[in-house]
């Protein structure tokens, strides 16, 4: 049986969707540097780039390319695709811990 949608339930659901914004720079990842690597490979108008990036709005493309908006990992992947390339993300596992002498 479905719960009746109420204002209180809607607020509770929307509050769950809000998370803490995590800045990748605090983990040594500068997404704007990656964007600078992608930029020379982008061709066309902001509209054409946005369409090739999966429907990104031209004003968003412009804001990203001019530095007026911080890129997300998703926007970088979309722009990499629009350039004809791809974004490669790799996880490096921690080094094994040394065991003490028995």
PDB file of N, CA and C in Angstrom:
ATOM      1  N   UNK A   1       0.833  -1.164   0.000  1.00  0.00           N
ATOM      2  CA  UNK A   1       0.000   0.000   0.000  1.00  0.00           C
ATOM      3  C   UNK A   1       0.892   1.246   0.000  1.00  0.00           C
ATOM      4  N   UNK A   2       0.629   2.179  -0.921  1.00  0.00           N
ATOM      5  CA  UNK A   2       1.435   3.392  -1.026  1.00  0.00           C
ATOM      6  C   UNK A   2       1.043   4.384   0.044  1.00  0.00           C
ATOM      7  N   UNK A   3       2.037   5.119   0.549  1.00  0.00           N
ATOM      8  CA  UNK A   3       1.762   6.181   1.502  1.00  0.00           C
ATOM      9  C   UNK A   3       1.198   7.378   0.767  1.00  0.00           C
ATOM     10  N   UNK A   4       0.315   8.066   1.423  1.00  0.00           N
ATOM     11  CA  UNK A   4      -0.254   9.274   0.850  1.00  0.00           C
ATOM     12  C   UNK A   4       0.820  10.360   0.836  1.00  0.00           C
ATOM     13  N   UNK A   5       0.961  11.022  -0.316  1.00  0.00           N
ATOM     14  CA  UNK A   5       1.946  12.101  -0.432  1.00  0.00           C
ATOM     15  C   UNK A   5       1.485  13.299   0.373  1.00  0.00           C
ATOM     16  N   UNK A   6       2.299  13.699   1.299  1.00  0.00           N
ATOM     17  CA  UNK A   6       1.992  14.877   2.097  1.00  0.00           C
ATOM     18  C   UNK A   6       3.159  15.834   2.008  1.00  0.00           C
ATOM     19  N   UNK A   7       2.929  17.059   2.424  1.00  0.00           N
ATOM     20  CA  UNK A   7       3.997  18.057   2.413  1.00  0.00           C
ATOM     21  C   UNK A   7       5.149  17.603   3.313  1.00  0.00           C
ATOM     22  N   UNK A   8       4.816  17.022   4.457  1.00  0.00           N
ATOM     23  CA  UNK A   8       5.844  16.563   5.381  1.00  0.00           C
ATOM     24  C   UNK A   8       6.676  15.453   4.753  1.00  0.00           C
ATOM     25  N   UNK A   9       6.035  14.485   4.071  1.00  0.00           N
ATOM     26  CA  UNK A   9       6.766  13.411   3.393  1.00  0.00           C
ATOM     27  C   UNK A   9       7.637  13.964   2.284  1.00  0.00           C
ATOM     28  N   UNK A  10       7.131  14.930   1.531  1.00  0.00           N
ATOM     29  CA  UNK A  10       7.903  15.529   0.439  1.00  0.00           C
ATOM     30  C   UNK A  10       9.151  16.213   0.976  1.00  0.00           C
ATOM     31  N   UNK A  11       9.014  16.896   2.112  1.00  0.00           N
ATOM     32  CA  UNK A  11      10.176  17.566   2.706  1.00  0.00           C
ATOM     33  C   UNK A  11      11.196  16.534   3.173  1.00  0.00           C
ATOM     34  N   UNK A  12      10.718  15.444   3.741  1.00  0.00           N
ATOM     35  CA  UNK A  12      11.616  14.407   4.233  1.00  0.00           C
ATOM     36  C   UNK A  12      12.388  13.786   3.067  1.00  0.00           C
ATOM     37  N   UNK A  13      11.700  13.511   1.961  1.00  0.00           N
ATOM     38  CA  UNK A  13      12.345  12.925   0.795  1.00  0.00           C
ATOM     39  C   UNK A  13      13.358  13.895   0.209  1.00  0.00           C
ATOM     40  N   UNK A  14      12.985  15.170   0.067  1.00  0.00           N
ATOM     41  CA  UNK A  14      13.911  16.126  -0.534  1.00  0.00           C
ATOM     42  C   UNK A  14      15.117  16.363   0.367  1.00  0.00           C
ATOM     43  N   UNK A  15      14.947  16.282   1.672  1.00  0.00           N
ATOM     44  CA  UNK A  15      16.065  16.472   2.586  1.00  0.00           C
ATOM     45  C   UNK A  15      17.067  15.327   2.446  1.00  0.00           C
ATOM     46  N   UNK A  16      16.576  14.127   2.156  1.00  0.00           N
ATOM     47  CA  UNK A  16      17.475  12.987   1.968  1.00  0.00           C
ATOM     48  C   UNK A  16      18.337  13.172   0.736  1.00  0.00           C
ATOM     49  N   UNK A  17      17.800  13.827  -0.275  1.00  0.00           N
ATOM     50  CA  UNK A  17      18.522  14.024  -1.516  1.00  0.00           C
ATOM     51  C   UNK A  17      19.666  15.017  -1.396  1.00  0.00           C
ATOM     52  N   UNK A  18      19.619  15.857  -0.395  1.00  0.00           N
ATOM     53  CA  UNK A  18      20.683  16.844  -0.209  1.00  0.00           C
ATOM     54  C   UNK A  18      21.859  16.191   0.480  1.00  0.00           C
ATOM     55  N   UNK A  19      22.992  16.314  -0.131  1.00  0.00           N
ATOM     56  CA  UNK A  19      24.181  15.745   0.472  1.00  0.00           C
ATOM     57  C   UNK A  19      25.219  16.822   0.670  1.00  0.00           C
ATOM     58  N   UNK A  20      26.277  16.437   1.271  1.00  0.00           N
ATOM     59  CA  UNK A  20      27.389  17.344   1.474  1.00  0.00           C
ATOM     60  C   UNK A  20      28.151  17.433   0.162  1.00  0.00           C
ATOM     61  N   UNK A  21      28.451  18.638  -0.271  1.00  0.00           N
ATOM     62  CA  UNK A  21      29.262  18.818  -1.466  1.00  0.00           C
ATOM     63  C   UNK A  21      30.708  18.484  -1.122  1.00  0.00           C
ATOM     64  N   UNK A  22      31.293  17.594  -1.890  1.00  0.00           N
ATOM     65  CA  UNK A  22      32.677  17.196  -1.657  1.00  0.00           C
ATOM     66  C   UNK A  22      33.535  17.813  -2.751  1.00  0.00           C
ATOM     67  N   UNK A  23      34.549  18.535  -2.345  1.00  0.00           N
ATOM     68  CA  UNK A  23      35.458  19.173  -3.285  1.00  0.00           C
ATOM     69  C   UNK A  23      36.567  18.191  -3.622  1.00  0.00           C
ATOM     70  N   UNK A  24      36.656  17.754  -4.891  1.00  0.00           N
ATOM     71  CA  UNK A  24      37.692  16.786  -5.258  1.00  0.00           C
ATOM     72  C   UNK A  24      39.110  17.297  -4.981  1.00  0.00           C
ATOM     73  N   UNK A  25      39.293  18.613  -4.954  1.00  0.00           N
ATOM     74  CA  UNK A  25      40.622  19.187  -4.707  1.00  0.00           C
ATOM     75  C   UNK A  25      41.165  18.778  -3.341  1.00  0.00           C
ATOM     76  N   UNK A  26      40.273  18.530  -2.388  1.00  0.00           N
ATOM     77  CA  UNK A  26      40.751  18.134  -1.063  1.00  0.00           C
ATOM     78  C   UNK A  26      41.368  16.740  -1.084  1.00  0.00           C
ATOM     79  N   UNK A  27      41.163  16.014  -2.186  1.00  0.00           N
ATOM     80  CA  UNK A  27      41.762  14.687  -2.336  1.00  0.00           C
ATOM     81  C   UNK A  27      42.829  14.682  -3.424  1.00  0.00           C
ATOM     82  N   UNK A  28      43.293  15.871  -3.792  1.00  0.00           N
ATOM     83  CA  UNK A  28      44.365  15.977  -4.764  1.00  0.00           C
ATOM     84  C   UNK A  28      43.927  15.883  -6.218  1.00  0.00           C
ATOM     85  N   UNK A  29      42.636  16.090  -6.491  1.00  0.00           N
ATOM     86  CA  UNK A  29      42.121  16.016  -7.856  1.00  0.00           C
ATOM     87  C   UNK A  29      41.643  17.397  -8.267  1.00  0.00           C
ATOM     88  N   UNK A  30      42.254  17.947  -9.314  1.00  0.00           N
ATOM     89  CA  UNK A  30      41.869  19.265  -9.818  1.00  0.00           C
ATOM     90  C   UNK A  30      41.162  19.076 -11.155  1.00  0.00           C
ATOM     91  N   UNK A  31      39.830  19.095 -11.119  1.00  0.00           N
ATOM     92  CA  UNK A  31      39.049  18.848 -12.324  1.00  0.00           C
ATOM     93  C   UNK A  31      39.230  19.943 -13.369  1.00  0.00           C
ATOM     94  N   UNK A  32      39.549  21.166 -12.938  1.00  0.00           N
ATOM     95  CA  UNK A  32      39.750  22.243 -13.905  1.00  0.00           C
ATOM     96  C   UNK A  32      41.008  22.001 -14.739  1.00  0.00           C
ATOM     97  N   UNK A  33      42.000  21.318 -14.188  1.00  0.00           N
ATOM     98  CA  UNK A  33      43.199  20.971 -14.946  1.00  0.00           C
ATOM     99  C   UNK A  33      42.840  19.961 -16.042  1.00  0.00           C
ATOM    100  N   UNK A  34      41.988  19.019 -15.711  1.00  0.00           N
ATOM    101  CA  UNK A  34      41.538  18.036 -16.700  1.00  0.00           C
ATOM    102  C   UNK A  34      40.758  18.742 -17.806  1.00  0.00           C
ATOM    103  N   UNK A  35      39.922  19.711 -17.438  1.00  0.00           N
ATOM    104  CA  UNK A  35      39.161  20.471 -18.429  1.00  0.00           C
ATOM    105  C   UNK A  35      40.096  21.202 -19.389  1.00  0.00           C
ATOM    106  N   UNK A  36      41.190  21.733 -18.876  1.00  0.00           N
ATOM    107  CA  UNK A  36      42.155  22.425 -19.730  1.00  0.00           C
ATOM    108  C   UNK A  36      42.770  21.474 -20.762  1.00  0.00           C
ATOM    109  N   UNK A  37      42.880  20.192 -20.405  1.00  0.00           N
ATOM    110  CA  UNK A  37      43.394  19.197 -21.350  1.00  0.00           C
ATOM    111  C   UNK A  37      42.371  18.880 -22.440  1.00  0.00           C
ATOM    112  N   UNK A  38      41.102  18.970 -22.108  1.00  0.00           N
ATOM    113  CA  UNK A  38      40.026  18.654 -23.048  1.00  0.00           C
ATOM    114  C   UNK A  38      39.770  19.812 -24.010  1.00  0.00           C
ATOM    115  N   UNK A  39      39.833  21.036 -23.515  1.00  0.00           N
ATOM    116  CA  UNK A  39      39.448  22.224 -24.291  1.00  0.00           C
ATOM    117  C   UNK A  39      40.042  22.311 -25.698  1.00  0.00           C
ATOM    118  N   UNK A  40      41.332  22.067 -25.897  1.00  0.00           N
ATOM    119  CA  UNK A  40      41.883  22.207 -27.249  1.00  0.00           C
ATOM    120  C   UNK A  40      41.286  21.235 -28.272  1.00  0.00           C
ATOM    121  N   UNK A  41      40.633  20.198 -27.794  1.00  0.00           N
ATOM    122  CA  UNK A  41      40.086  19.174 -28.673  1.00  0.00           C
ATOM    123  C   UNK A  41      38.601  19.375 -28.984  1.00  0.00           C
ATOM    124  N   UNK A  42      38.009  20.392 -28.401  1.00  0.00           N
ATOM    125  CA  UNK A  42      36.592  20.679 -28.649  1.00  0.00           C
ATOM    126  C   UNK A  42      36.452  21.546 -29.888  1.00  0.00           C
ATOM    127  N   UNK A  43      35.545  21.174 -30.761  1.00  0.00           N
ATOM    128  CA  UNK A  43      35.315  21.931 -31.987  1.00  0.00           C
ATOM    129  C   UNK A  43      33.829  22.247 -32.116  1.00  0.00           C
ATOM    130  N   UNK A  44      33.544  23.404 -32.702  1.00  0.00           N
ATOM    131  CA  UNK A  44      32.168  23.791 -32.954  1.00  0.00           C
ATOM    132  C   UNK A  44      31.711  24.890 -32.022  1.00  0.00           C
ATOM    133  N   UNK A  45      30.451  25.250 -32.187  1.00  0.00           N
ATOM    134  CA  UNK A  45      29.851  26.280 -31.341  1.00  0.00           C
ATOM    135  C   UNK A  45      29.524  25.692 -29.976  1.00  0.00           C
ATOM    136  N   UNK A  46      29.216  26.555 -29.039  1.00  0.00           N
ATOM    137  CA  UNK A  46      28.821  26.079 -27.702  1.00  0.00           C
ATOM    138  C   UNK A  46      27.604  25.159 -27.805  1.00  0.00           C
ATOM    139  N   UNK A  47      26.688  25.500 -28.699  1.00  0.00           N
ATOM    140  CA  UNK A  47      25.484  24.673 -28.902  1.00  0.00           C
ATOM    141  C   UNK A  47      25.871  23.291 -29.443  1.00  0.00           C
ATOM    142  N   UNK A  48      26.755  23.260 -30.436  1.00  0.00           N
ATOM    143  CA  UNK A  48      27.181  21.992 -31.023  1.00  0.00           C
ATOM    144  C   UNK A  48      27.941  21.140 -30.010  1.00  0.00           C
ATOM    145  N   UNK A  49      28.796  21.780 -29.244  1.00  0.00           N
ATOM    146  CA  UNK A  49      29.531  21.050 -28.203  1.00  0.00           C
ATOM    147  C   UNK A  49      28.552  20.488 -27.179  1.00  0.00           C
ATOM    148  N   UNK A  50      27.585  21.308 -26.762  1.00  0.00           N
ATOM    149  CA  UNK A  50      26.581  20.858 -25.795  1.00  0.00           C
ATOM    150  C   UNK A  50      25.774  19.679 -26.299  1.00  0.00           C
ATOM    151  N   UNK A  51      25.387  19.716 -27.573  1.00  0.00           N
ATOM    152  CA  UNK A  51      24.633  18.599 -28.155  1.00  0.00           C
ATOM    153  C   UNK A  51      25.486  17.341 -28.180  1.00  0.00           C
ATOM    154  N   UNK A  52      26.753  17.480 -28.570  1.00  0.00           N
ATOM    155  CA  UNK A  52      27.663  16.334 -28.604  1.00  0.00           C
ATOM    156  C   UNK A  52      27.961  15.811 -27.202  1.00  0.00           C
ATOM    157  N   UNK A  53      27.789  16.679 -26.202  1.00  0.00           N
ATOM    158  CA  UNK A  53      28.037  16.302 -24.799  1.00  0.00           C
ATOM    159  C   UNK A  53      26.772  15.749 -24.141  1.00  0.00           C
ATOM    160  N   UNK A  54      25.823  15.345 -24.940  1.00  0.00           N
ATOM    161  CA  UNK A  54      24.631  14.708 -24.381  1.00  0.00           C
ATOM    162  C   UNK A  54      23.513  15.655 -24.043  1.00  0.00           C
ATOM    163  N   UNK A  55      23.507  16.831 -24.647  1.00  0.00           N
ATOM    164  CA  UNK A  55      22.417  17.767 -24.409  1.00  0.00           C
ATOM    165  C   UNK A  55      22.717  18.824 -23.363  1.00  0.00           C
ATOM    166  N   UNK A  56      23.990  19.081 -23.116  1.00  0.00           N
ATOM    167  CA  UNK A  56      24.378  20.126 -22.177  1.00  0.00           C
ATOM    168  C   UNK A  56      23.978  21.486 -22.759  1.00  0.00           C
ATOM    169  N   UNK A  57      23.414  22.348 -21.947  1.00  0.00           N
ATOM    170  CA  UNK A  57      22.977  23.665 -22.401  1.00  0.00           C
ATOM    171  C   UNK A  57      24.180  24.507 -22.837  1.00  0.00           C
ATOM    172  N   UNK A  58      24.022  25.290 -23.919  1.00  0.00           N
ATOM    173  CA  UNK A  58      25.134  26.110 -24.396  1.00  0.00           C
ATOM    174  C   UNK A  58      25.700  27.060 -23.338  1.00  0.00           C
ATOM    175  N   UNK A  59      24.821  27.606 -22.487  1.00  0.00           N
ATOM    176  CA  UNK A  59      25.321  28.511 -21.449  1.00  0.00           C
ATOM    177  C   UNK A  59      26.159  27.764 -20.408  1.00  0.00           C
ATOM    178  N   UNK A  60      25.842  26.502 -20.159  1.00  0.00           N
ATOM    179  CA  UNK A  60      26.640  25.692 -19.235  1.00  0.00           C
ATOM    180  C   UNK A  60      28.002  25.402 -19.860  1.00  0.00           C
ATOM    181  N   UNK A  61      28.001  25.057 -21.148  1.00  0.00           N
ATOM    182  CA  UNK A  61      29.264  24.828 -21.861  1.00  0.00           C
ATOM    183  C   UNK A  61      30.125  26.078 -21.770  1.00  0.00           C
ATOM    184  N   UNK A  62      29.514  27.227 -22.047  1.00  0.00           N
ATOM    185  CA  UNK A  62      30.246  28.489 -22.003  1.00  0.00           C
ATOM    186  C   UNK A  62      30.813  28.755 -20.614  1.00  0.00           C
ATOM    187  N   UNK A  63      29.978  28.571 -19.589  1.00  0.00           N
ATOM    188  CA  UNK A  63      30.436  28.805 -18.213  1.00  0.00           C
ATOM    189  C   UNK A  63      31.588  27.876 -17.832  1.00  0.00           C
ATOM    190  N   UNK A  64      31.523  26.627 -18.274  1.00  0.00           N
ATOM    191  CA  UNK A  64      32.604  25.689 -17.975  1.00  0.00           C
ATOM    192  C   UNK A  64      33.890  26.086 -18.687  1.00  0.00           C
ATOM    193  N   UNK A  65      33.767  26.431 -19.970  1.00  0.00           N
ATOM    194  CA  UNK A  65      34.957  26.721 -20.764  1.00  0.00           C
ATOM    195  C   UNK A  65      35.612  28.046 -20.396  1.00  0.00           C
ATOM    196  N   UNK A  66      34.845  28.964 -19.816  1.00  0.00           N
ATOM    197  CA  UNK A  66      35.411  30.253 -19.412  1.00  0.00           C
ATOM    198  C   UNK A  66      35.837  30.270 -17.950  1.00  0.00           C
ATOM    199  N   UNK A  67      35.577  29.185 -17.231  1.00  0.00           N
ATOM    200  CA  UNK A  67      35.965  29.115 -15.827  1.00  0.00           C
ATOM    201  C   UNK A  67      34.961  29.732 -14.876  1.00  0.00           C
ATOM    202  N   UNK A  68      33.773  30.079 -15.372  1.00  0.00           N
ATOM    203  CA  UNK A  68      32.739  30.650 -14.510  1.00  0.00           C
ATOM    204  C   UNK A  68      31.964  29.588 -13.748  1.00  0.00           C
ATOM    205  N   UNK A  69      32.231  28.327 -14.037  1.00  0.00           N
ATOM    206  CA  UNK A  69      31.570  27.216 -13.351  1.00  0.00           C
ATOM    207  C   UNK A  69      32.602  26.116 -13.149  1.00  0.00           C
ATOM    208  N   UNK A  70      32.609  25.532 -11.964  1.00  0.00           N
ATOM    209  CA  UNK A  70      33.518  24.432 -11.676  1.00  0.00           C
ATOM    210  C   UNK A  70      32.991  23.166 -12.357  1.00  0.00           C
ATOM    211  N   UNK A  71      33.849  22.426 -13.055  1.00  0.00           N
ATOM    212  CA  UNK A  71      33.377  21.208 -13.706  1.00  0.00           C
ATOM    213  C   UNK A  71      33.142  20.093 -12.695  1.00  0.00           C
ATOM    214  N   UNK A  72      32.155  19.284 -12.993  1.00  0.00           N
ATOM    215  CA  UNK A  72      31.931  18.064 -12.218  1.00  0.00           C
ATOM    216  C   UNK A  72      32.555  16.915 -12.999  1.00  0.00           C
ATOM    217  N   UNK A  73      32.640  15.777 -12.377  1.00  0.00           N
ATOM    218  CA  UNK A  73      33.175  14.612 -13.063  1.00  0.00           C
ATOM    219  C   UNK A  73      32.279  14.260 -14.253  1.00  0.00           C
ATOM    220  N   UNK A  74      30.981  14.387 -14.070  1.00  0.00           N
ATOM    221  CA  UNK A  74      30.044  14.095 -15.151  1.00  0.00           C
ATOM    222  C   UNK A  74      30.190  15.051 -16.319  1.00  0.00           C
ATOM    223  N   UNK A  75      30.350  16.352 -16.033  1.00  0.00           N
ATOM    224  CA  UNK A  75      30.497  17.316 -17.127  1.00  0.00           C
ATOM    225  C   UNK A  75      31.814  17.102 -17.860  1.00  0.00           C
ATOM    226  N   UNK A  76      32.865  16.720 -17.147  1.00  0.00           N
ATOM    227  CA  UNK A  76      34.138  16.416 -17.798  1.00  0.00           C
ATOM    228  C   UNK A  76      34.008  15.205 -18.715  1.00  0.00           C
ATOM    229  N   UNK A  77      33.318  14.174 -18.258  1.00  0.00           N
ATOM    230  CA  UNK A  77      33.121  12.981 -19.075  1.00  0.00           C
ATOM    231  C   UNK A  77      32.333  13.331 -20.336  1.00  0.00           C
ATOM    232  N   UNK A  78      31.308  14.183 -20.192  1.00  0.00           N
ATOM    233  CA  UNK A  78      30.491  14.585 -21.336  1.00  0.00           C
ATOM    234  C   UNK A  78      31.309  15.417 -22.323  1.00  0.00           C
ATOM    235  N   UNK A  79      32.115  16.341 -21.824  1.00  0.00           N
ATOM    236  CA  UNK A  79      32.939  17.166 -22.712  1.00  0.00           C
ATOM    237  C   UNK A  79      34.045  16.331 -23.370  1.00  0.00           C
ATOM    238  N   UNK A  80      34.584  15.382 -22.652  1.00  0.00           N
ATOM    239  CA  UNK A  80      35.584  14.485 -23.241  1.00  0.00           C
ATOM    240  C   UNK A  80      34.954  13.710 -24.394  1.00  0.00           C
ATOM    241  N   UNK A  81      33.737  13.247 -24.188  1.00  0.00           N
ATOM    242  CA  UNK A  81      33.005  12.537 -25.247  1.00  0.00           C
ATOM    243  C   UNK A  81      32.761  13.464 -26.434  1.00  0.00           C
ATOM    244  N   UNK A  82      32.367  14.700 -26.161  1.00  0.00           N
ATOM    245  CA  UNK A  82      32.108  15.677 -27.223  1.00  0.00           C
ATOM    246  C   UNK A  82      33.371  15.974 -28.024  1.00  0.00           C
ATOM    247  N   UNK A  83      34.519  15.847 -27.393  1.00  0.00           N
ATOM    248  CA  UNK A  83      35.788  16.114 -28.084  1.00  0.00           C
ATOM    249  C   UNK A  83      36.222  14.938 -28.946  1.00  0.00           C
ATOM    250  N   UNK A  84      35.562  13.804 -28.787  1.00  0.00           N
ATOM    251  CA  UNK A  84      35.956  12.593 -29.499  1.00  0.00           C
ATOM    252  C   UNK A  84      36.846  11.691 -28.662  1.00  0.00           C
ATOM    253  N   UNK A  85      37.152  12.138 -27.465  1.00  0.00           N
ATOM    254  CA  UNK A  85      37.982  11.346 -26.567  1.00  0.00           C
ATOM    255  C   UNK A  85      37.132  10.721 -25.477  1.00  0.00           C
ATOM    256  N   UNK A  86      37.779  10.307 -24.430  1.00  0.00           N
ATOM    257  CA  UNK A  86      37.059   9.776 -23.274  1.00  0.00           C
ATOM    258  C   UNK A  86      37.847  10.067 -22.013  1.00  0.00           C
ATOM    259  N   UNK A  87      37.133  10.154 -20.933  1.00  0.00           N
ATOM    260  CA  UNK A  87      37.740  10.380 -19.634  1.00  0.00           C
ATOM    261  C   UNK A  87      38.058   9.016 -19.040  1.00  0.00           C
ATOM    262  N   UNK A  88      39.268   8.842 -18.574  1.00  0.00           N
ATOM    263  CA  UNK A  88      39.695   7.572 -17.998  1.00  0.00           C
ATOM    264  C   UNK A  88      39.898   7.767 -16.506  1.00  0.00           C
ATOM    265  N   UNK A  89      39.112   7.079 -15.719  1.00  0.00           N
ATOM    266  CA  UNK A  89      39.180   7.183 -14.270  1.00  0.00           C
ATOM    267  C   UNK A  89      39.689   5.856 -13.734  1.00  0.00           C
ATOM    268  N   UNK A  90      40.691   5.914 -12.869  1.00  0.00           N
ATOM    269  CA  UNK A  90      41.302   4.689 -12.378  1.00  0.00           C
ATOM    270  C   UNK A  90      41.456   4.762 -10.864  1.00  0.00           C
ATOM    271  N   UNK A  91      41.164   3.657 -10.210  1.00  0.00           N
ATOM    272  CA  UNK A  91      41.327   3.539  -8.763  1.00  0.00           C
ATOM    273  C   UNK A  91      42.655   2.865  -8.468  1.00  0.00           C
ATOM    274  N   UNK A  92      43.396   3.441  -7.537  1.00  0.00           N
ATOM    275  CA  UNK A  92      44.645   2.822  -7.089  1.00  0.00           C
ATOM    276  C   UNK A  92      44.409   2.287  -5.678  1.00  0.00           C
ATOM    277  N   UNK A  93      44.435   0.974  -5.520  1.00  0.00           N
ATOM    278  CA  UNK A  93      44.206   0.420  -4.178  1.00  0.00           C
ATOM    279  C   UNK A  93      45.368   0.744  -3.253  1.00  0.00           C
ATOM    280  N   UNK A  94      45.095   0.742  -1.958  1.00  0.00           N
ATOM    281  CA  UNK A  94      46.185   1.029  -1.007  1.00  0.00           C
ATOM    282  C   UNK A  94      47.236  -0.081  -1.047  1.00  0.00           C
ATOM    283  N   UNK A  95      48.438   0.311  -0.687  1.00  0.00           N
ATOM    284  CA  UNK A  95      49.504  -0.687  -0.607  1.00  0.00           C
ATOM    285  C   UNK A  95      49.193  -1.622   0.564  1.00  0.00           C
ATOM    286  N   UNK A  96      49.534  -2.907   0.400  1.00  0.00           N
ATOM    287  CA  UNK A  96      49.289  -3.847   1.502  1.00  0.00           C
ATOM    288  C   UNK A  96      50.062  -3.417   2.756  1.00  0.00           C
ATOM    289  N   UNK A  97      49.431  -3.581   3.880  1.00  0.00           N
ATOM    290  CA  UNK A  97      50.087  -3.246   5.145  1.00  0.00           C
ATOM    291  C   UNK A  97      51.105  -4.329   5.472  1.00  0.00           C
ATOM    292  N   UNK A  98      52.250  -3.879   5.968  1.00  0.00           N
ATOM    293  CA  UNK A  98      53.288  -4.834   6.356  1.00  0.00           C
ATOM    294  C   UNK A  98      52.874  -5.491   7.659  1.00  0.00           C
ATOM    295  N   UNK A  99      53.071  -6.772   7.692  1.00  0.00           N
ATOM    296  CA  UNK A  99      52.739  -7.521   8.910  1.00  0.00           C
ATOM    297  C   UNK A  99      53.960  -7.565   9.814  1.00  0.00           C
ATOM    298  N   UNK A 100      53.714  -7.514  11.089  1.00  0.00           N
ATOM    299  CA  UNK A 100      54.812  -7.602  12.056  1.00  0.00           C
ATOM    300  C   UNK A 100      55.388  -9.008  12.113  1.00  0.00           C
ATOM    301  N   UNK A 101      56.542  -9.108  12.703  1.00  0.00           N
ATOM    302  CA  UNK A 101      57.185 -10.430  12.832  1.00  0.00           C
ATOM    303  C   UNK A 101      56.377 -11.275  13.801  1.00  0.00           C
ATOM    304  N   UNK A 102      56.237 -12.592  13.474  1.00  0.00           N
ATOM    305  CA  UNK A 102      55.467 -13.485  14.370  1.00  0.00           C
ATOM    306  C   UNK A 102      56.152 -13.803  15.656  1.00  0.00           C
TER     307      UNK A 102
END
